[in-house]
């Protein structure tokens, strides 16, 4: 996250996690004010930190983000908003910026207020450094087993710029307009309106196309901060297409990393839908299949029951002609096994069940669904459903 020029980050352990170990309070800071855009959960129950951050993103420029893990500060009433505001004020005082320039994000157990004494002590211990991005990515983890982060460099008109990001998420993943917590930084100069459009476009094909368990969070937030220190002319319109592609690449990497690390998951599932009549229907079909518990369970059990895919598609409200439907199975990283046809023209296609079971045992399983109705396509990502998922979520607070 600190690869773009002018960004600094850091983290500290202050005991907000139930385990009481590891960093759980993180700061991100820019040397100069940032044009900022965000997308947030459409859940009707929204956490106090999200409501405060959304208000500040709409109001103007931001300089910093304070984020914590362990306590979500959601469903905590007026006191929760007071805690969120106080957290930004304490952060602002530490960094020497205005409180209105600080965004706040929380993740963890819903219904638990922030322990502000611990937050105060944690903020005193955090040092924001140019190399602190890795610490930030670790501090926002909850049930994640690995941090998720990426940085890439591109250029516009021979002016290099960097886009970087970190995200957390492993469970409660089935987003609508955002997902979990994701923070993206760039030193490119970008017009505010264009930045919001670019983020929404990127989210639509990445974060909004993943699923682990069909549940969403009251804290789901994606923020992008652009400080302009690359020195390019401010981007907008067609001139910004290179930036959009870089932003989408960062979002896609983070989104797929979240699903790959889904709670209890052993396999990544990729669903490619082709030949749909509209982009919306293509996305809806792919996401419905990827989120099907029956499909997820079949992949876990290496059961080549392609009927699970067909019936999930059938409830996706996507226009189709069953007699034109083709379904294929492959393993993303297999070099020896070809794509296997399971269904052709709406009827079963002969296949080797043992070989299909082997494909389903790969780390990355791919279903390609050809509707053969139109020209639109979409990809969604999910993961298998395992007994470990139940174990993790049956003892989340105990």
Foldseek 3Di string as FASTA:
>chain_A
DLPFPFKWKWFDQLQLAPVSDATFKMKMFGPFWWLKAKWAFPPPFAALLVVLQVVLNVVGTATMEMEGENEFNTPAPPVSNVLNLVLLVLLCVLVVHDSSRYGYFYYHDHPDHDPVVSSNVGSVPIDIGSPRPLSRQRNREHLFPDWAKDKDWDDAPPQIKMKIKTFYAAPQQQGDGFAHEMEMEMQAAADNVQVNVLVSVLCVFASNQEDEANGHDSRGMYMYTYNNNSVDDYDDDPSCPVVSVNVSVNRNRNRQSRQLRHQVFQAKEKEKEFQFPDQVLQSLLQSQLQNQLVNQQCLVVLFPPCVSSVVSSVPSPTDADLQQKWKWKAAPPDPPDDIGTQDHRNHGDDDDSVVSSVRSNHRYMYMYMYRNHHGYMGMHMHGHDDPSNVVCVVPSPD
